[in-house]
Structure formats: C-alpha cells, structure tokens
Amino acid sequence: MNLGPMEIGLIILAVLLLFGYKKLPDASRSLGRSLRIFKGEMKGMKDDGRAPTVVAGEVDLEAGRLDAEARAAEAAAAEARARADAARVSVPDATR
C-alpha cells in the first residue's frame, strides 16, 4: 500500500478538521506520553525475569539516611510548634 501526496494531504486535512489546529499540539503531546508509558511498561515486562540490580547494603544505607532525615524534620517541626506556642502566649489578645 503506497500513500501518495494526495492521500497524505487528505489524512492531514481530516486530522485538522477533527481536532482543530489549536488542540492538535495537545493531542500529539498526549499521544507521545502514552507511547512513552507503553514502551516503559513493555520494557518492564521484559525485565521482570531478571534479578534486581540493587545491592542489599545500599538499601540499608538509604533507609538509614531517610530515617535520619525524618527524625531531623520531626525535630524541626517540634521546634517550630514550640516557637509558635511561645509567640501566641507572649502576644496579648487585642480582641478583649
């Protein structure tokens, strides 16, 4: 099946009539994203039979780092709450 310039022109005209020139970039961008996701999923299905490349020690180090970051964030939040409570106590209520 050979497509000549007339057939290609008719296909382009039909696509423009269906989507409009304003929505055509969004439609093509959405199609590209969908194809990328599909390609990634197909690659993932092919890779399911292989062993993971992450070493157990690396996972333990990452988990320890995340735990330390979580503890630091909790401490910072507690300090911020204490400062907010102290500021609330020190400011007199102007509505009375």
PDB file of N, CA and C in Angstrom:
ATOM      1  N   MET A   1       0.852  -1.175   0.000  1.00  0.00           N
ATOM      2  CA  MET A   1       0.000   0.000   0.000  1.00  0.00           C
ATOM      3  C   MET A   1       0.894   1.234   0.000  1.00  0.00           C
ATOM      4  N   ASN A   2       0.864   1.971  -1.060  1.00  0.00           N
ATOM      5  CA  ASN A   2       1.657   3.191  -1.185  1.00  0.00           C
ATOM      6  C   ASN A   2       0.757   4.408  -1.020  1.00  0.00           C
ATOM      7  N   LEU A   3       1.185   5.294  -0.140  1.00  0.00           N
ATOM      8  CA  LEU A   3       0.452   6.539   0.053  1.00  0.00           C
ATOM      9  C   LEU A   3       1.115   7.634  -0.765  1.00  0.00           C
ATOM     10  N   GLY A   4       0.356   8.234  -1.630  1.00  0.00           N
ATOM     11  CA  GLY A   4       0.868   9.334  -2.433  1.00  0.00           C
ATOM     12  C   GLY A   4       0.651  10.653  -1.722  1.00  0.00           C
ATOM     13  N   PRO A   5       1.109  11.740  -2.308  1.00  0.00           N
ATOM     14  CA  PRO A   5       0.956  13.053  -1.684  1.00  0.00           C
ATOM     15  C   PRO A   5      -0.508  13.459  -1.511  1.00  0.00           C
ATOM     16  N   MET A   6      -1.369  13.037  -2.427  1.00  0.00           N
ATOM     17  CA  MET A   6      -2.795  13.374  -2.315  1.00  0.00           C
ATOM     18  C   MET A   6      -3.427  12.687  -1.111  1.00  0.00           C
ATOM     19  N   GLU A   7      -3.110  11.408  -0.885  1.00  0.00           N
ATOM     20  CA  GLU A   7      -3.667  10.690   0.259  1.00  0.00           C
ATOM     21  C   GLU A   7      -3.153  11.256   1.581  1.00  0.00           C
ATOM     22  N   ILE A   8      -1.873  11.577   1.632  1.00  0.00           N
ATOM     23  CA  ILE A   8      -1.288  12.161   2.851  1.00  0.00           C
ATOM     24  C   ILE A   8      -1.937  13.509   3.140  1.00  0.00           C
ATOM     25  N   GLY A   9      -2.148  14.303   2.108  1.00  0.00           N
ATOM     26  CA  GLY A   9      -2.813  15.599   2.276  1.00  0.00           C
ATOM     27  C   GLY A   9      -4.225  15.444   2.800  1.00  0.00           C
ATOM     28  N   LEU A  10      -4.961  14.454   2.292  1.00  0.00           N
ATOM     29  CA  LEU A  10      -6.322  14.211   2.771  1.00  0.00           C
ATOM     30  C   LEU A  10      -6.329  13.758   4.227  1.00  0.00           C
ATOM     31  N   ILE A  11      -5.363  12.938   4.609  1.00  0.00           N
ATOM     32  CA  ILE A  11      -5.270  12.489   6.009  1.00  0.00           C
ATOM     33  C   ILE A  11      -4.981  13.671   6.923  1.00  0.00           C
ATOM     34  N   ILE A  12      -4.058  14.534   6.533  1.00  0.00           N
ATOM     35  CA  ILE A  12      -3.721  15.718   7.331  1.00  0.00           C
ATOM     36  C   ILE A  12      -4.931  16.635   7.451  1.00  0.00           C
ATOM     37  N   LEU A  13      -5.658  16.832   6.345  1.00  0.00           N
ATOM     38  CA  LEU A  13      -6.858  17.670   6.364  1.00  0.00           C
ATOM     39  C   LEU A  13      -7.919  17.076   7.289  1.00  0.00           C
ATOM     40  N   ALA A  14      -8.107  15.754   7.254  1.00  0.00           N
ATOM     41  CA  ALA A  14      -9.097  15.107   8.118  1.00  0.00           C
ATOM     42  C   ALA A  14      -8.724  15.262   9.585  1.00  0.00           C
ATOM     43  N   VAL A  15      -7.433  15.123   9.907  1.00  0.00           N
ATOM     44  CA  VAL A  15      -6.984  15.274  11.293  1.00  0.00           C
ATOM     45  C   VAL A  15      -7.202  16.705  11.762  1.00  0.00           C
ATOM     46  N   LEU A  16      -6.888  17.679  10.919  1.00  0.00           N
ATOM     47  CA  LEU A  16      -7.104  19.085  11.282  1.00  0.00           C
ATOM     48  C   LEU A  16      -8.587  19.379  11.484  1.00  0.00           C
ATOM     49  N   LEU A  17      -9.438  18.801  10.657  1.00  0.00           N
ATOM     50  CA  LEU A  17     -10.874  19.024  10.811  1.00  0.00           C
ATOM     51  C   LEU A  17     -11.413  18.372  12.078  1.00  0.00           C
ATOM     52  N   LEU A  18     -10.885  17.211  12.416  1.00  0.00           N
ATOM     53  CA  LEU A  18     -11.352  16.511  13.614  1.00  0.00           C
ATOM     54  C   LEU A  18     -10.916  17.212  14.900  1.00  0.00           C
ATOM     55  N   PHE A  19      -9.641  17.570  14.991  1.00  0.00           N
ATOM     56  CA  PHE A  19      -9.099  18.112  16.230  1.00  0.00           C
ATOM     57  C   PHE A  19      -9.021  19.626  16.254  1.00  0.00           C
ATOM     58  N   GLY A  20      -8.876  20.256  15.127  1.00  0.00           N
ATOM     59  CA  GLY A  20      -8.672  21.700  15.094  1.00  0.00           C
ATOM     60  C   GLY A  20      -7.210  22.019  15.306  1.00  0.00           C
ATOM     61  N   TYR A  21      -6.777  23.138  14.755  1.00  0.00           N
ATOM     62  CA  TYR A  21      -5.352  23.461  14.830  1.00  0.00           C
ATOM     63  C   TYR A  21      -4.904  23.843  16.227  1.00  0.00           C
ATOM     64  N   LYS A  22      -5.829  24.271  17.103  1.00  0.00           N
ATOM     65  CA  LYS A  22      -5.447  24.654  18.466  1.00  0.00           C
ATOM     66  C   LYS A  22      -5.239  23.436  19.357  1.00  0.00           C
ATOM     67  N   LYS A  23      -6.007  22.380  19.152  1.00  0.00           N
ATOM     68  CA  LYS A  23      -5.915  21.195  20.014  1.00  0.00           C
ATOM     69  C   LYS A  23      -4.940  20.157  19.490  1.00  0.00           C
ATOM     70  N   LEU A  24      -4.457  20.334  18.282  1.00  0.00           N
ATOM     71  CA  LEU A  24      -3.570  19.341  17.685  1.00  0.00           C
ATOM     72  C   LEU A  24      -2.250  19.176  18.453  1.00  0.00           C
ATOM     73  N   PRO A  25      -1.581  20.262  18.918  1.00  0.00           N
ATOM     74  CA  PRO A  25      -0.350  20.062  19.703  1.00  0.00           C
ATOM     75  C   PRO A  25      -0.596  19.299  21.008  1.00  0.00           C
ATOM     76  N   ASP A  26      -1.720  19.591  21.683  1.00  0.00           N
ATOM     77  CA  ASP A  26      -2.035  18.870  22.922  1.00  0.00           C
ATOM     78  C   ASP A  26      -2.298  17.395  22.650  1.00  0.00           C
ATOM     79  N   ALA A  27      -2.998  17.118  21.558  1.00  0.00           N
ATOM     80  CA  ALA A  27      -3.301  15.728  21.219  1.00  0.00           C
ATOM     81  C   ALA A  27      -2.028  14.959  20.886  1.00  0.00           C
ATOM     82  N   SER A  28      -1.124  15.582  20.135  1.00  0.00           N
ATOM     83  CA  SER A  28       0.117  14.886  19.785  1.00  0.00           C
ATOM     84  C   SER A  28       1.009  14.708  21.016  1.00  0.00           C
ATOM     85  N   ARG A  29       1.018  15.686  21.913  1.00  0.00           N
ATOM     86  CA  ARG A  29       1.804  15.569  23.149  1.00  0.00           C
ATOM     87  C   ARG A  29       1.258  14.433  24.009  1.00  0.00           C
ATOM     88  N   SER A  30      -0.066  14.346  24.097  1.00  0.00           N
ATOM     89  CA  SER A  30      -0.687  13.273  24.869  1.00  0.00           C
ATOM     90  C   SER A  30      -0.394  11.908  24.256  1.00  0.00           C
ATOM     91  N   LEU A  31      -0.427  11.825  22.941  1.00  0.00           N
ATOM     92  CA  LEU A  31      -0.104  10.570  22.270  1.00  0.00           C
ATOM     93  C   LEU A  31       1.348  10.169  22.535  1.00  0.00           C
ATOM     94  N   GLY A  32       2.258  11.131  22.504  1.00  0.00           N
ATOM     95  CA  GLY A  32       3.664  10.846  22.790  1.00  0.00           C
ATOM     96  C   GLY A  32       3.871  10.332  24.203  1.00  0.00           C
ATOM     97  N   ARG A  33       3.194  10.966  25.175  1.00  0.00           N
ATOM     98  CA  ARG A  33       3.293  10.495  26.566  1.00  0.00           C
ATOM     99  C   ARG A  33       2.774   9.070  26.699  1.00  0.00           C
ATOM    100  N   SER A  34       1.644   8.808  26.054  1.00  0.00           N
ATOM    101  CA  SER A  34       1.062   7.474  26.128  1.00  0.00           C
ATOM    102  C   SER A  34       1.999   6.425  25.539  1.00  0.00           C
ATOM    103  N   LEU A  35       2.619   6.758  24.415  1.00  0.00           N
ATOM    104  CA  LEU A  35       3.547   5.812  23.798  1.00  0.00           C
ATOM    105  C   LEU A  35       4.778   5.588  24.667  1.00  0.00           C
ATOM    106  N   ARG A  36       5.269   6.655  25.323  1.00  0.00           N
ATOM    107  CA  ARG A  36       6.419   6.503  26.221  1.00  0.00           C
ATOM    108  C   ARG A  36       6.073   5.606  27.405  1.00  0.00           C
ATOM    109  N   ILE A  37       4.890   5.806  27.972  1.00  0.00           N
ATOM    110  CA  ILE A  37       4.460   4.971  29.094  1.00  0.00           C
ATOM    111  C   ILE A  37       4.318   3.523  28.646  1.00  0.00           C
ATOM    112  N   PHE A  38       3.703   3.313  27.488  1.00  0.00           N
ATOM    113  CA  PHE A  38       3.520   1.964  26.962  1.00  0.00           C
ATOM    114  C   PHE A  38       4.869   1.288  26.733  1.00  0.00           C
ATOM    115  N   LYS A  39       5.814   2.041  26.155  1.00  0.00           N
ATOM    116  CA  LYS A  39       7.146   1.491  25.899  1.00  0.00           C
ATOM    117  C   LYS A  39       7.833   1.107  27.213  1.00  0.00           C
ATOM    118  N   GLY A  40       7.718   1.962  28.232  1.00  0.00           N
ATOM    119  CA  GLY A  40       8.314   1.666  29.528  1.00  0.00           C
ATOM    120  C   GLY A  40       7.699   0.445  30.183  1.00  0.00           C
ATOM    121  N   GLU A  41       6.385   0.313  30.063  1.00  0.00           N
ATOM    122  CA  GLU A  41       5.715  -0.856  30.634  1.00  0.00           C
ATOM    123  C   GLU A  41       6.126  -2.136  29.913  1.00  0.00           C
ATOM    124  N   MET A  42       6.254  -2.068  28.605  1.00  0.00           N
ATOM    125  CA  MET A  42       6.682  -3.251  27.852  1.00  0.00           C
ATOM    126  C   MET A  42       8.103  -3.650  28.242  1.00  0.00           C
ATOM    127  N   LYS A  43       8.977  -2.654  28.422  1.00  0.00           N
ATOM    128  CA  LYS A  43      10.348  -2.941  28.844  1.00  0.00           C
ATOM    129  C   LYS A  43      10.349  -3.546  30.248  1.00  0.00           C
ATOM    130  N   GLY A  44       9.476  -3.025  31.114  1.00  0.00           N
ATOM    131  CA  GLY A  44       9.367  -3.562  32.466  1.00  0.00           C
ATOM    132  C   GLY A  44       8.906  -5.007  32.473  1.00  0.00           C
ATOM    133  N   MET A  45       7.983  -5.334  31.573  1.00  0.00           N
ATOM    134  CA  MET A  45       7.520  -6.715  31.487  1.00  0.00           C
ATOM    135  C   MET A  45       8.633  -7.637  31.022  1.00  0.00           C
ATOM    136  N   LYS A  46       9.490  -7.150  30.123  1.00  0.00           N
ATOM    137  CA  LYS A  46      10.611  -7.963  29.655  1.00  0.00           C
ATOM    138  C   LYS A  46      11.649  -8.154  30.749  1.00  0.00           C
ATOM    139  N   ASP A  47      11.825  -7.133  31.597  1.00  0.00           N
ATOM    140  CA  ASP A  47      12.843  -7.171  32.648  1.00  0.00           C
ATOM    141  C   ASP A  47      12.381  -7.907  33.900  1.00  0.00           C
ATOM    142  N   ASP A  48      11.135  -8.316  33.974  1.00  0.00           N
ATOM    143  CA  ASP A  48      10.616  -8.975  35.184  1.00  0.00           C
ATOM    144  C   ASP A  48      11.362 -10.254  35.536  1.00  0.00           C
ATOM    145  N   GLY A  49      11.903 -10.932  34.559  1.00  0.00           N
ATOM    146  CA  GLY A  49      12.587 -12.185  34.823  1.00  0.00           C
ATOM    147  C   GLY A  49      14.001 -12.016  35.342  1.00  0.00           C
ATOM    148  N   ARG A  50      14.525 -10.826  35.344  1.00  0.00           N
ATOM    149  CA  ARG A  50      15.915 -10.594  35.771  1.00  0.00           C
ATOM    150  C   ARG A  50      15.989 -10.265  37.246  1.00  0.00           C
ATOM    151  N   ALA A  51      17.168 -10.500  37.829  1.00  0.00           N
ATOM    152  CA  ALA A  51      17.391 -10.199  39.243  1.00  0.00           C
ATOM    153  C   ALA A  51      17.539  -8.694  39.434  1.00  0.00           C
ATOM    154  N   PRO A  52      17.147  -8.180  40.589  1.00  0.00           N
ATOM    155  CA  PRO A  52      17.301  -6.743  40.835  1.00  0.00           C
ATOM    156  C   PRO A  52      18.779  -6.356  40.896  1.00  0.00           C
ATOM    157  N   THR A  53      19.075  -5.122  40.476  1.00  0.00           N
ATOM    158  CA  THR A  53      20.463  -4.679  40.440  1.00  0.00           C
ATOM    159  C   THR A  53      20.878  -3.949  41.711  1.00  0.00           C
ATOM    160  N   VAL A  54      19.958  -3.751  42.654  1.00  0.00           N
ATOM    161  CA  VAL A  54      20.267  -3.041  43.886  1.00  0.00           C
ATOM    162  C   VAL A  54      20.860  -4.019  44.890  1.00  0.00           C
ATOM    163  N   VAL A  55      21.962  -3.638  45.489  1.00  0.00           N
ATOM    164  CA  VAL A  55      22.617  -4.467  46.499  1.00  0.00           C
ATOM    165  C   VAL A  55      21.944  -4.207  47.840  1.00  0.00           C
ATOM    166  N   ALA A  56      21.793  -5.248  48.661  1.00  0.00           N
ATOM    167  CA  ALA A  56      21.082  -5.117  49.933  1.00  0.00           C
ATOM    168  C   ALA A  56      21.726  -4.072  50.843  1.00  0.00           C
ATOM    169  N   GLY A  57      23.018  -3.957  50.857  1.00  0.00           N
ATOM    170  CA  GLY A  57      23.698  -2.961  51.680  1.00  0.00           C
ATOM    171  C   GLY A  57      23.345  -1.545  51.283  1.00  0.00           C
ATOM    172  N   GLU A  58      23.166  -1.321  49.997  1.00  0.00           N
ATOM    173  CA  GLU A  58      22.786   0.008  49.522  1.00  0.00           C
ATOM    174  C   GLU A  58      21.391   0.372  50.001  1.00  0.00           C
ATOM    175  N   VAL A  59      20.501  -0.604  50.043  1.00  0.00           N
ATOM    176  CA  VAL A  59      19.147  -0.360  50.516  1.00  0.00           C
ATOM    177  C   VAL A  59      19.180   0.004  51.986  1.00  0.00           C
ATOM    178  N   ASP A  60      19.979  -0.714  52.785  1.00  0.00           N
ATOM    179  CA  ASP A  60      20.075  -0.427  54.208  1.00  0.00           C
ATOM    180  C   ASP A  60      20.620   0.978  54.448  1.00  0.00           C
ATOM    181  N   LEU A  61      21.617   1.386  53.682  1.00  0.00           N
ATOM    182  CA  LEU A  61      22.177   2.730  53.837  1.00  0.00           C
ATOM    183  C   LEU A  61      21.142   3.792  53.485  1.00  0.00           C
ATOM    184  N   GLU A  62      20.400   3.557  52.429  1.00  0.00           N
ATOM    185  CA  GLU A  62      19.368   4.511  52.011  1.00  0.00           C
ATOM    186  C   GLU A  62      18.281   4.620  53.070  1.00  0.00           C
ATOM    187  N   ALA A  63      17.855   3.509  53.629  1.00  0.00           N
ATOM    188  CA  ALA A  63      16.817   3.522  54.672  1.00  0.00           C
ATOM    189  C   ALA A  63      17.314   4.264  55.909  1.00  0.00           C
ATOM    190  N   GLY A  64      18.562   4.058  56.287  1.00  0.00           N
ATOM    191  CA  GLY A  64      19.124   4.758  57.434  1.00  0.00           C
ATOM    192  C   GLY A  64      19.195   6.254  57.213  1.00  0.00           C
ATOM    193  N   ARG A  65      19.557   6.648  55.996  1.00  0.00           N
ATOM    194  CA  ARG A  65      19.622   8.081  55.678  1.00  0.00           C
ATOM    195  C   ARG A  65      18.238   8.700  55.728  1.00  0.00           C
ATOM    196  N   LEU A  66      17.242   7.998  55.207  1.00  0.00           N
ATOM    197  CA  LEU A  66      15.876   8.515  55.222  1.00  0.00           C
ATOM    198  C   LEU A  66      15.335   8.608  56.638  1.00  0.00           C
ATOM    199  N   ASP A  67      15.674   7.630  57.502  1.00  0.00           N
ATOM    200  CA  ASP A  67      15.248   7.687  58.899  1.00  0.00           C
ATOM    201  C   ASP A  67      15.855   8.900  59.597  1.00  0.00           C
ATOM    202  N   ALA A  68      17.124   9.159  59.347  1.00  0.00           N
ATOM    203  CA  ALA A  68      17.786  10.312  59.960  1.00  0.00           C
ATOM    204  C   ALA A  68      17.142  11.612  59.478  1.00  0.00           C
ATOM    205  N   GLU A  69      16.822  11.686  58.194  1.00  0.00           N
ATOM    206  CA  GLU A  69      16.167  12.892  57.671  1.00  0.00           C
ATOM    207  C   GLU A  69      14.783  13.073  58.290  1.00  0.00           C
ATOM    208  N   ALA A  70      14.060  11.978  58.479  1.00  0.00           N
ATOM    209  CA  ALA A  70      12.726  12.056  59.081  1.00  0.00           C
ATOM    210  C   ALA A  70      12.811  12.539  60.518  1.00  0.00           C
ATOM    211  N   ARG A  71      13.799  12.025  61.281  1.00  0.00           N
ATOM    212  CA  ARG A  71      13.968  12.474  62.662  1.00  0.00           C
ATOM    213  C   ARG A  71      14.326  13.953  62.720  1.00  0.00           C
ATOM    214  N   ALA A  72      15.184  14.417  61.801  1.00  0.00           N
ATOM    215  CA  ALA A  72      15.557  15.827  61.777  1.00  0.00           C
ATOM    216  C   ALA A  72      14.348  16.695  61.423  1.00  0.00           C
ATOM    217  N   ALA A  73      13.526  16.243  60.500  1.00  0.00           N
ATOM    218  CA  ALA A  73      12.336  17.006  60.125  1.00  0.00           C
ATOM    219  C   ALA A  73      11.339  17.069  61.281  1.00  0.00           C
ATOM    220  N   GLU A  74      11.172  15.972  62.018  1.00  0.00           N
ATOM    221  CA  GLU A  74      10.281  15.961  63.174  1.00  0.00           C
ATOM    222  C   GLU A  74      10.781  16.901  64.258  1.00  0.00           C
ATOM    223  N   ALA A  75      12.087  16.933  64.482  1.00  0.00           N
ATOM    224  CA  ALA A  75      12.652  17.836  65.480  1.00  0.00           C
ATOM    225  C   ALA A  75      12.448  19.286  65.074  1.00  0.00           C
ATOM    226  N   ALA A  76      12.640  19.593  63.792  1.00  0.00           N
ATOM    227  CA  ALA A  76      12.436  20.964  63.313  1.00  0.00           C
ATOM    228  C   ALA A  76      10.974  21.368  63.442  1.00  0.00           C
ATOM    229  N   ALA A  77      10.054  20.445  63.177  1.00  0.00           N
ATOM    230  CA  ALA A  77       8.629  20.739  63.306  1.00  0.00           C
ATOM    231  C   ALA A  77       8.260  20.985  64.767  1.00  0.00           C
ATOM    232  N   ALA A  78       8.814  20.182  65.666  1.00  0.00           N
ATOM    233  CA  ALA A  78       8.531  20.368  67.086  1.00  0.00           C
ATOM    234  C   ALA A  78       9.059  21.714  67.568  1.00  0.00           C
ATOM    235  N   GLU A  79      10.233  22.095  67.098  1.00  0.00           N
ATOM    236  CA  GLU A  79      10.807  23.398  67.466  1.00  0.00           C
ATOM    237  C   GLU A  79       9.940  24.533  66.933  1.00  0.00           C
ATOM    238  N   ALA A  80       9.458  24.406  65.706  1.00  0.00           N
ATOM    239  CA  ALA A  80       8.605  25.441  65.129  1.00  0.00           C
ATOM    240  C   ALA A  80       7.284  25.545  65.894  1.00  0.00           C
ATOM    241  N   ARG A  81       6.718  24.407  66.319  1.00  0.00           N
ATOM    242  CA  ARG A  81       5.483  24.443  67.106  1.00  0.00           C
ATOM    243  C   ARG A  81       5.720  25.133  68.448  1.00  0.00           C
ATOM    244  N   ALA A  82       6.868  24.835  69.070  1.00  0.00           N
ATOM    245  CA  ALA A  82       7.179  25.456  70.359  1.00  0.00           C
ATOM    246  C   ALA A  82       7.333  26.968  70.207  1.00  0.00           C
ATOM    247  N   ARG A  83       7.982  27.411  69.127  1.00  0.00           N
ATOM    248  CA  ARG A  83       8.126  28.857  68.895  1.00  0.00           C
ATOM    249  C   ARG A  83       6.776  29.501  68.644  1.00  0.00           C
ATOM    250  N   ALA A  84       5.903  28.825  67.897  1.00  0.00           N
ATOM    251  CA  ALA A  84       4.578  29.376  67.614  1.00  0.00           C
ATOM    252  C   ALA A  84       3.760  29.473  68.888  1.00  0.00           C
ATOM    253  N   ASP A  85       3.840  28.455  69.745  1.00  0.00           N
ATOM    254  CA  ASP A  85       3.121  28.492  71.020  1.00  0.00           C
ATOM    255  C   ASP A  85       3.646  29.618  71.905  1.00  0.00           C
ATOM    256  N   ALA A  86       4.957  29.795  71.936  1.00  0.00           N
ATOM    257  CA  ALA A  86       5.552  30.862  72.749  1.00  0.00           C
ATOM    258  C   ALA A  86       5.141  32.228  72.210  1.00  0.00           C
ATOM    259  N   ALA A  87       5.067  32.372  70.906  1.00  0.00           N
ATOM    260  CA  ALA A  87       4.667  33.646  70.314  1.00  0.00           C
ATOM    261  C   ALA A  87       3.197  33.922  70.617  1.00  0.00           C
ATOM    262  N   ARG A  88       2.362  32.893  70.616  1.00  0.00           N
ATOM    263  CA  ARG A  88       0.939  33.063  70.911  1.00  0.00           C
ATOM    264  C   ARG A  88       0.743  33.503  72.358  1.00  0.00           C
ATOM    265  N   VAL A  89       1.544  32.975  73.273  1.00  0.00           N
ATOM    266  CA  VAL A  89       1.424  33.302  74.693  1.00  0.00           C
ATOM    267  C   VAL A  89       1.915  34.717  74.955  1.00  0.00           C
ATOM    268  N   SER A  90       2.980  35.149  74.275  1.00  0.00           N
ATOM    269  CA  SER A  90       3.570  36.451  74.555  1.00  0.00           C
ATOM    270  C   SER A  90       2.796  37.605  73.928  1.00  0.00           C
ATOM    271  N   VAL A  91       1.979  37.351  72.924  1.00  0.00           N
ATOM    272  CA  VAL A  91       1.196  38.425  72.287  1.00  0.00           C
ATOM    273  C   VAL A  91      -0.139  38.525  73.004  1.00  0.00           C
ATOM    274  N   PRO A  92      -0.485  39.737  73.547  1.00  0.00           N
ATOM    275  CA  PRO A  92      -1.761  39.875  74.239  1.00  0.00           C
ATOM    276  C   PRO A  92      -2.918  39.820  73.234  1.00  0.00           C
ATOM    277  N   ASP A  93      -4.048  39.365  73.708  1.00  0.00           N
ATOM    278  CA  ASP A  93      -5.233  39.249  72.867  1.00  0.00           C
ATOM    279  C   ASP A  93      -5.826  40.628  72.684  1.00  0.00           C
ATOM    280  N   ALA A  94      -5.846  41.157  71.464  1.00  0.00           N
ATOM    281  CA  ALA A  94      -6.307  42.512  71.174  1.00  0.00           C
ATOM    282  C   ALA A  94      -7.819  42.577  71.065  1.00  0.00           C
ATOM    283  N   THR A  95      -8.502  41.466  71.048  1.00  0.00           N
ATOM    284  CA  THR A  95      -9.961  41.481  70.877  1.00  0.00           C
ATOM    285  C   THR A  95     -10.699  41.751  72.177  1.00  0.00           C
ATOM    286  N   ARG A  96     -10.025  41.690  73.322  1.00  0.00           N
ATOM    287  CA  ARG A  96     -10.714  41.903  74.612  1.00  0.00           C
ATOM    288  C   ARG A  96     -10.762  43.341  74.967  1.00  0.00           C
TER     289      ARG A  96
END
